[in-house]
Amino acid sequence: MRQEREYEVEVVRIACACQTFRVKARNVTEARAKALEIAPNEVFSEHDAEYKTGSVVQVEDSGG
């Protein structure tokens, strides 16, 4: 039977959220820019998230 070893595993959460903003602008480009400016100040609730692993690195034995 193989001995267990210690690993560091990176876990990545992939989530998508959508929210509609109403902005006043002179054109579509300006409207997009304004929406992107205010988006970070809004709270997005996550309804669905997916998890994947990234890198996996075996931890070196520290002599124990």
PDB file of N, CA and C in Angstrom:
ATOM      1  N   MET A   1       0.844  -1.180   0.000  1.00  0.00           N
ATOM      2  CA  MET A   1       0.000   0.000   0.000  1.00  0.00           C
ATOM      3  C   MET A   1       0.894   1.250   0.000  1.00  0.00           C
ATOM      4  N   ARG A   2       0.561   2.211  -0.860  1.00  0.00           N
ATOM      5  CA  ARG A   2       1.373   3.418  -0.966  1.00  0.00           C
ATOM      6  C   ARG A   2       1.112   4.361   0.202  1.00  0.00           C
ATOM      7  N   GLN A   3       2.180   4.974   0.654  1.00  0.00           N
ATOM      8  CA  GLN A   3       2.086   5.945   1.740  1.00  0.00           C
ATOM      9  C   GLN A   3       1.484   7.252   1.210  1.00  0.00           C
ATOM     10  N   GLU A   4       0.615   7.849   1.994  1.00  0.00           N
ATOM     11  CA  GLU A   4       0.033   9.129   1.591  1.00  0.00           C
ATOM     12  C   GLU A   4       1.085  10.219   1.673  1.00  0.00           C
ATOM     13  N   ARG A   5       1.027  11.146   0.737  1.00  0.00           N
ATOM     14  CA  ARG A   5       1.923  12.292   0.723  1.00  0.00           C
ATOM     15  C   ARG A   5       1.074  13.550   0.744  1.00  0.00           C
ATOM     16  N   GLU A   6       1.699  14.653   1.087  1.00  0.00           N
ATOM     17  CA  GLU A   6       0.982  15.913   1.174  1.00  0.00           C
ATOM     18  C   GLU A   6       1.091  16.675  -0.147  1.00  0.00           C
ATOM     19  N   TYR A   7      -0.029  17.251  -0.589  1.00  0.00           N
ATOM     20  CA  TYR A   7      -0.085  18.012  -1.836  1.00  0.00           C
ATOM     21  C   TYR A   7      -0.756  19.350  -1.585  1.00  0.00           C
ATOM     22  N   GLU A   8      -0.363  20.346  -2.340  1.00  0.00           N
ATOM     23  CA  GLU A   8      -1.061  21.620  -2.378  1.00  0.00           C
ATOM     24  C   GLU A   8      -1.831  21.660  -3.686  1.00  0.00           C
ATOM     25  N   VAL A   9      -3.142  21.809  -3.600  1.00  0.00           N
ATOM     26  CA  VAL A   9      -3.999  21.803  -4.782  1.00  0.00           C
ATOM     27  C   VAL A   9      -4.698  23.153  -4.893  1.00  0.00           C
ATOM     28  N   GLU A  10      -4.504  23.816  -6.014  1.00  0.00           N
ATOM     29  CA  GLU A  10      -5.175  25.084  -6.270  1.00  0.00           C
ATOM     30  C   GLU A  10      -6.592  24.799  -6.753  1.00  0.00           C
ATOM     31  N   VAL A  11      -7.569  25.425  -6.109  1.00  0.00           N
ATOM     32  CA  VAL A  11      -8.968  25.267  -6.503  1.00  0.00           C
ATOM     33  C   VAL A  11      -9.452  26.606  -7.058  1.00  0.00           C
ATOM     34  N   VAL A  12     -10.045  26.563  -8.237  1.00  0.00           N
ATOM     35  CA  VAL A  12     -10.521  27.761  -8.911  1.00  0.00           C
ATOM     36  C   VAL A  12     -12.040  27.752  -8.944  1.00  0.00           C
ATOM     37  N   ARG A  13     -12.647  28.826  -8.463  1.00  0.00           N
ATOM     38  CA  ARG A  13     -14.096  28.946  -8.522  1.00  0.00           C
ATOM     39  C   ARG A  13     -14.451  29.772  -9.759  1.00  0.00           C
ATOM     40  N   ILE A  14     -15.320  29.220 -10.579  1.00  0.00           N
ATOM     41  CA  ILE A  14     -15.762  29.889 -11.792  1.00  0.00           C
ATOM     42  C   ILE A  14     -17.235  30.228 -11.591  1.00  0.00           C
ATOM     43  N   ALA A  15     -17.544  31.519 -11.584  1.00  0.00           N
ATOM     44  CA  ALA A  15     -18.926  31.936 -11.346  1.00  0.00           C
ATOM     45  C   ALA A  15     -19.319  33.005 -12.354  1.00  0.00           C
ATOM     46  N   CYS A  16     -20.584  33.075 -12.601  1.00  0.00           N
ATOM     47  CA  CYS A  16     -21.096  34.058 -13.540  1.00  0.00           C
ATOM     48  C   CYS A  16     -22.298  34.739 -12.902  1.00  0.00           C
ATOM     49  N   ALA A  17     -22.328  36.054 -13.002  1.00  0.00           N
ATOM     50  CA  ALA A  17     -23.462  36.800 -12.477  1.00  0.00           C
ATOM     51  C   ALA A  17     -23.825  37.877 -13.487  1.00  0.00           C
ATOM     52  N   CYS A  18     -25.069  38.260 -13.483  1.00  0.00           N
ATOM     53  CA  CYS A  18     -25.532  39.252 -14.436  1.00  0.00           C
ATOM     54  C   CYS A  18     -26.441  40.236 -13.724  1.00  0.00           C
ATOM     55  N   GLN A  19     -26.244  41.507 -14.004  1.00  0.00           N
ATOM     56  CA  GLN A  19     -27.112  42.524 -13.434  1.00  0.00           C
ATOM     57  C   GLN A  19     -27.267  43.625 -14.474  1.00  0.00           C
ATOM     58  N   THR A  20     -28.447  44.180 -14.562  1.00  0.00           N
ATOM     59  CA  THR A  20     -28.723  45.237 -15.531  1.00  0.00           C
ATOM     60  C   THR A  20     -28.662  46.588 -14.838  1.00  0.00           C
ATOM     61  N   PHE A  21     -27.939  47.532 -15.455  1.00  0.00           N
ATOM     62  CA  PHE A  21     -27.831  48.888 -14.934  1.00  0.00           C
ATOM     63  C   PHE A  21     -28.506  49.857 -15.894  1.00  0.00           C
ATOM     64  N   ARG A  22     -29.150  50.858 -15.358  1.00  0.00           N
ATOM     65  CA  ARG A  22     -29.738  51.907 -16.186  1.00  0.00           C
ATOM     66  C   ARG A  22     -28.848  53.139 -16.038  1.00  0.00           C
ATOM     67  N   VAL A  23     -28.287  53.616 -17.166  1.00  0.00           N
ATOM     68  CA  VAL A  23     -27.398  54.776 -17.153  1.00  0.00           C
ATOM     69  C   VAL A  23     -27.850  55.779 -18.209  1.00  0.00           C
ATOM     70  N   LYS A  24     -27.480  57.031 -18.010  1.00  0.00           N
ATOM     71  CA  LYS A  24     -27.722  58.072 -19.004  1.00  0.00           C
ATOM     72  C   LYS A  24     -26.420  58.314 -19.735  1.00  0.00           C
ATOM     73  N   ALA A  25     -26.477  58.292 -21.075  1.00  0.00           N
ATOM     74  CA  ALA A  25     -25.269  58.461 -21.876  1.00  0.00           C
ATOM     75  C   ALA A  25     -25.628  59.034 -23.245  1.00  0.00           C
ATOM     76  N   ARG A  26     -24.599  59.543 -23.935  1.00  0.00           N
ATOM     77  CA  ARG A  26     -24.806  60.110 -25.263  1.00  0.00           C
ATOM     78  C   ARG A  26     -24.819  59.066 -26.369  1.00  0.00           C
ATOM     79  N   ASN A  27     -24.211  57.892 -26.091  1.00  0.00           N
ATOM     80  CA  ASN A  27     -24.169  56.831 -27.106  1.00  0.00           C
ATOM     81  C   ASN A  27     -23.912  55.489 -26.427  1.00  0.00           C
ATOM     82  N   VAL A  28     -23.918  54.421 -27.224  1.00  0.00           N
ATOM     83  CA  VAL A  28     -23.750  53.062 -26.702  1.00  0.00           C
ATOM     84  C   VAL A  28     -22.388  52.888 -26.033  1.00  0.00           C
ATOM     85  N   THR A  29     -21.348  53.417 -26.641  1.00  0.00           N
ATOM     86  CA  THR A  29     -19.997  53.276 -26.080  1.00  0.00           C
ATOM     87  C   THR A  29     -19.914  53.919 -24.706  1.00  0.00           C
ATOM     88  N   GLU A  30     -20.455  55.113 -24.583  1.00  0.00           N
ATOM     89  CA  GLU A  30     -20.445  55.800 -23.299  1.00  0.00           C
ATOM     90  C   GLU A  30     -21.306  55.061 -22.274  1.00  0.00           C
ATOM     91  N   ALA A  31     -22.425  54.513 -22.715  1.00  0.00           N
ATOM     92  CA  ALA A  31     -23.288  53.751 -21.811  1.00  0.00           C
ATOM     93  C   ALA A  31     -22.555  52.534 -21.253  1.00  0.00           C
ATOM     94  N   ARG A  32     -21.847  51.825 -22.134  1.00  0.00           N
ATOM     95  CA  ARG A  32     -21.066  50.666 -21.665  1.00  0.00           C
ATOM     96  C   ARG A  32     -20.014  51.096 -20.643  1.00  0.00           C
ATOM     97  N   ALA A  33     -19.306  52.167 -20.946  1.00  0.00           N
ATOM     98  CA  ALA A  33     -18.251  52.649 -20.051  1.00  0.00           C
ATOM     99  C   ALA A  33     -18.821  53.027 -18.685  1.00  0.00           C
ATOM    100  N   LYS A  34     -19.942  53.732 -18.687  1.00  0.00           N
ATOM    101  CA  LYS A  34     -20.562  54.124 -17.415  1.00  0.00           C
ATOM    102  C   LYS A  34     -21.013  52.910 -16.610  1.00  0.00           C
ATOM    103  N   ALA A  35     -21.595  51.933 -17.283  1.00  0.00           N
ATOM    104  CA  ALA A  35     -22.029  50.722 -16.586  1.00  0.00           C
ATOM    105  C   ALA A  35     -20.840  49.992 -15.962  1.00  0.00           C
ATOM    106  N   LEU A  36     -19.730  49.928 -16.702  1.00  0.00           N
ATOM    107  CA  LEU A  36     -18.536  49.267 -16.165  1.00  0.00           C
ATOM    108  C   LEU A  36     -17.944  50.044 -14.991  1.00  0.00           C
ATOM    109  N   GLU A  37     -18.124  51.343 -14.972  1.00  0.00           N
ATOM    110  CA  GLU A  37     -17.629  52.157 -13.856  1.00  0.00           C
ATOM    111  C   GLU A  37     -18.414  51.891 -12.578  1.00  0.00           C
ATOM    112  N   ILE A  38     -19.724  51.713 -12.690  1.00  0.00           N
ATOM    113  CA  ILE A  38     -20.525  51.523 -11.474  1.00  0.00           C
ATOM    114  C   ILE A  38     -20.641  50.058 -11.045  1.00  0.00           C
ATOM    115  N   ALA A  39     -20.340  49.135 -11.932  1.00  0.00           N
ATOM    116  CA  ALA A  39     -20.494  47.706 -11.621  1.00  0.00           C
ATOM    117  C   ALA A  39     -19.712  47.254 -10.384  1.00  0.00           C
ATOM    118  N   PRO A  40     -18.444  47.664 -10.208  1.00  0.00           N
ATOM    119  CA  PRO A  40     -17.706  47.173  -9.017  1.00  0.00           C
ATOM    120  C   PRO A  40     -18.326  47.600  -7.693  1.00  0.00           C
ATOM    121  N   ASN A  41     -19.135  48.642  -7.690  1.00  0.00           N
ATOM    122  CA  ASN A  41     -19.762  49.113  -6.452  1.00  0.00           C
ATOM    123  C   ASN A  41     -21.044  48.359  -6.119  1.00  0.00           C
ATOM    124  N   GLU A  42     -21.513  47.563  -7.047  1.00  0.00           N
ATOM    125  CA  GLU A  42     -22.740  46.798  -6.833  1.00  0.00           C
ATOM    126  C   GLU A  42     -22.420  45.439  -6.226  1.00  0.00           C
ATOM    127  N   VAL A  43     -23.371  44.860  -5.524  1.00  0.00           N
ATOM    128  CA  VAL A  43     -23.196  43.527  -4.943  1.00  0.00           C
ATOM    129  C   VAL A  43     -23.842  42.514  -5.872  1.00  0.00           C
ATOM    130  N   PHE A  44     -23.044  41.596  -6.351  1.00  0.00           N
ATOM    131  CA  PHE A  44     -23.560  40.528  -7.194  1.00  0.00           C
ATOM    132  C   PHE A  44     -23.755  39.295  -6.333  1.00  0.00           C
ATOM    133  N   SER A  45     -24.952  38.713  -6.372  1.00  0.00           N
ATOM    134  CA  SER A  45     -25.173  37.469  -5.641  1.00  0.00           C
ATOM    135  C   SER A  45     -24.894  36.310  -6.591  1.00  0.00           C
ATOM    136  N   GLU A  46     -24.165  35.348  -6.108  1.00  0.00           N
ATOM    137  CA  GLU A  46     -23.800  34.212  -6.941  1.00  0.00           C
ATOM    138  C   GLU A  46     -24.829  33.105  -6.768  1.00  0.00           C
ATOM    139  N   HIS A  47     -25.475  32.756  -7.865  1.00  0.00           N
ATOM    140  CA  HIS A  47     -26.475  31.697  -7.819  1.00  0.00           C
ATOM    141  C   HIS A  47     -25.896  30.369  -8.280  1.00  0.00           C
ATOM    142  N   ASP A  48     -24.830  30.425  -9.048  1.00  0.00           N
ATOM    143  CA  ASP A  48     -24.267  29.207  -9.602  1.00  0.00           C
ATOM    144  C   ASP A  48     -22.759  29.364  -9.709  1.00  0.00           C
ATOM    145  N   ALA A  49     -22.032  28.392  -9.273  1.00  0.00           N
ATOM    146  CA  ALA A  49     -20.576  28.424  -9.364  1.00  0.00           C
ATOM    147  C   ALA A  49     -20.076  27.027  -9.699  1.00  0.00           C
ATOM    148  N   GLU A  50     -18.975  26.977 -10.413  1.00  0.00           N
ATOM    149  CA  GLU A  50     -18.342  25.717 -10.786  1.00  0.00           C
ATOM    150  C   GLU A  50     -16.939  25.739 -10.205  1.00  0.00           C
ATOM    151  N   TYR A  51     -16.459  24.597  -9.765  1.00  0.00           N
ATOM    152  CA  TYR A  51     -15.129  24.502  -9.191  1.00  0.00           C
ATOM    153  C   TYR A  51     -14.271  23.566 -10.026  1.00  0.00           C
ATOM    154  N   LYS A  52     -13.037  23.982 -10.276  1.00  0.00           N
ATOM    155  CA  LYS A  52     -12.064  23.157 -10.986  1.00  0.00           C
ATOM    156  C   LYS A  52     -10.743  23.235 -10.241  1.00  0.00           C
ATOM    157  N   THR A  53      -9.914  22.240 -10.448  1.00  0.00           N
ATOM    158  CA  THR A  53      -8.594  22.297  -9.838  1.00  0.00           C
ATOM    159  C   THR A  53      -7.611  22.917 -10.811  1.00  0.00           C
ATOM    160  N   GLY A  54      -6.655  23.628 -10.248  1.00  0.00           N
ATOM    161  CA  GLY A  54      -5.585  24.213 -11.038  1.00  0.00           C
ATOM    162  C   GLY A  54      -4.346  23.369 -10.843  1.00  0.00           C
ATOM    163  N   SER A  55      -3.283  24.014 -10.400  1.00  0.00           N
ATOM    164  CA  SER A  55      -2.022  23.296 -10.227  1.00  0.00           C
ATOM    165  C   SER A  55      -2.069  22.379  -9.010  1.00  0.00           C
ATOM    166  N   VAL A  56      -1.287  21.298  -9.078  1.00  0.00           N
ATOM    167  CA  VAL A  56      -1.130  20.373  -7.958  1.00  0.00           C
ATOM    168  C   VAL A  56       0.362  20.179  -7.769  1.00  0.00           C
ATOM    169  N   VAL A  57       0.844  20.463  -6.565  1.00  0.00           N
ATOM    170  CA  VAL A  57       2.276  20.386  -6.278  1.00  0.00           C
ATOM    171  C   VAL A  57       2.484  19.518  -5.055  1.00  0.00           C
ATOM    172  N   GLN A  58       3.368  18.539  -5.177  1.00  0.00           N
ATOM    173  CA  GLN A  58       3.686  17.707  -4.017  1.00  0.00           C
ATOM    174  C   GLN A  58       4.548  18.522  -3.075  1.00  0.00           C
ATOM    175  N   VAL A  59       4.209  18.504  -1.794  1.00  0.00           N
ATOM    176  CA  VAL A  59       4.957  19.233  -0.784  1.00  0.00           C
ATOM    177  C   VAL A  59       6.168  18.405  -0.397  1.00  0.00           C
ATOM    178  N   GLU A  60       7.319  19.056  -0.384  1.00  0.00           N
ATOM    179  CA  GLU A  60       8.556  18.360  -0.037  1.00  0.00           C
ATOM    180  C   GLU A  60       8.545  17.953   1.429  1.00  0.00           C
ATOM    181  N   ASP A  61       9.077  16.768   1.709  1.00  0.00           N
ATOM    182  CA  ASP A  61       9.191  16.268   3.069  1.00  0.00           C
ATOM    183  C   ASP A  61      10.245  17.108   3.789  1.00  0.00           C
ATOM    184  N   SER A  62       9.869  17.665   4.956  1.00  0.00           N
ATOM    185  CA  SER A  62      10.790  18.547   5.672  1.00  0.00           C
ATOM    186  C   SER A  62      11.687  17.778   6.631  1.00  0.00           C
ATOM    187  N   GLY A  63      11.904  16.521   6.364  1.00  0.00           N
ATOM    188  CA  GLY A  63      12.870  15.759   7.144  1.00  0.00           C
ATOM    189  C   GLY A  63      12.281  14.970   8.292  1.00  0.00           C
ATOM    190  N   GLY A  64      10.970  14.859   8.383  1.00  0.00           N
ATOM    191  CA  GLY A  64      10.331  14.217   9.527  1.00  0.00           C
ATOM    192  C   GLY A  64      10.238  12.782   9.451  1.00  0.00           C
TER     193      GLY A  64
END
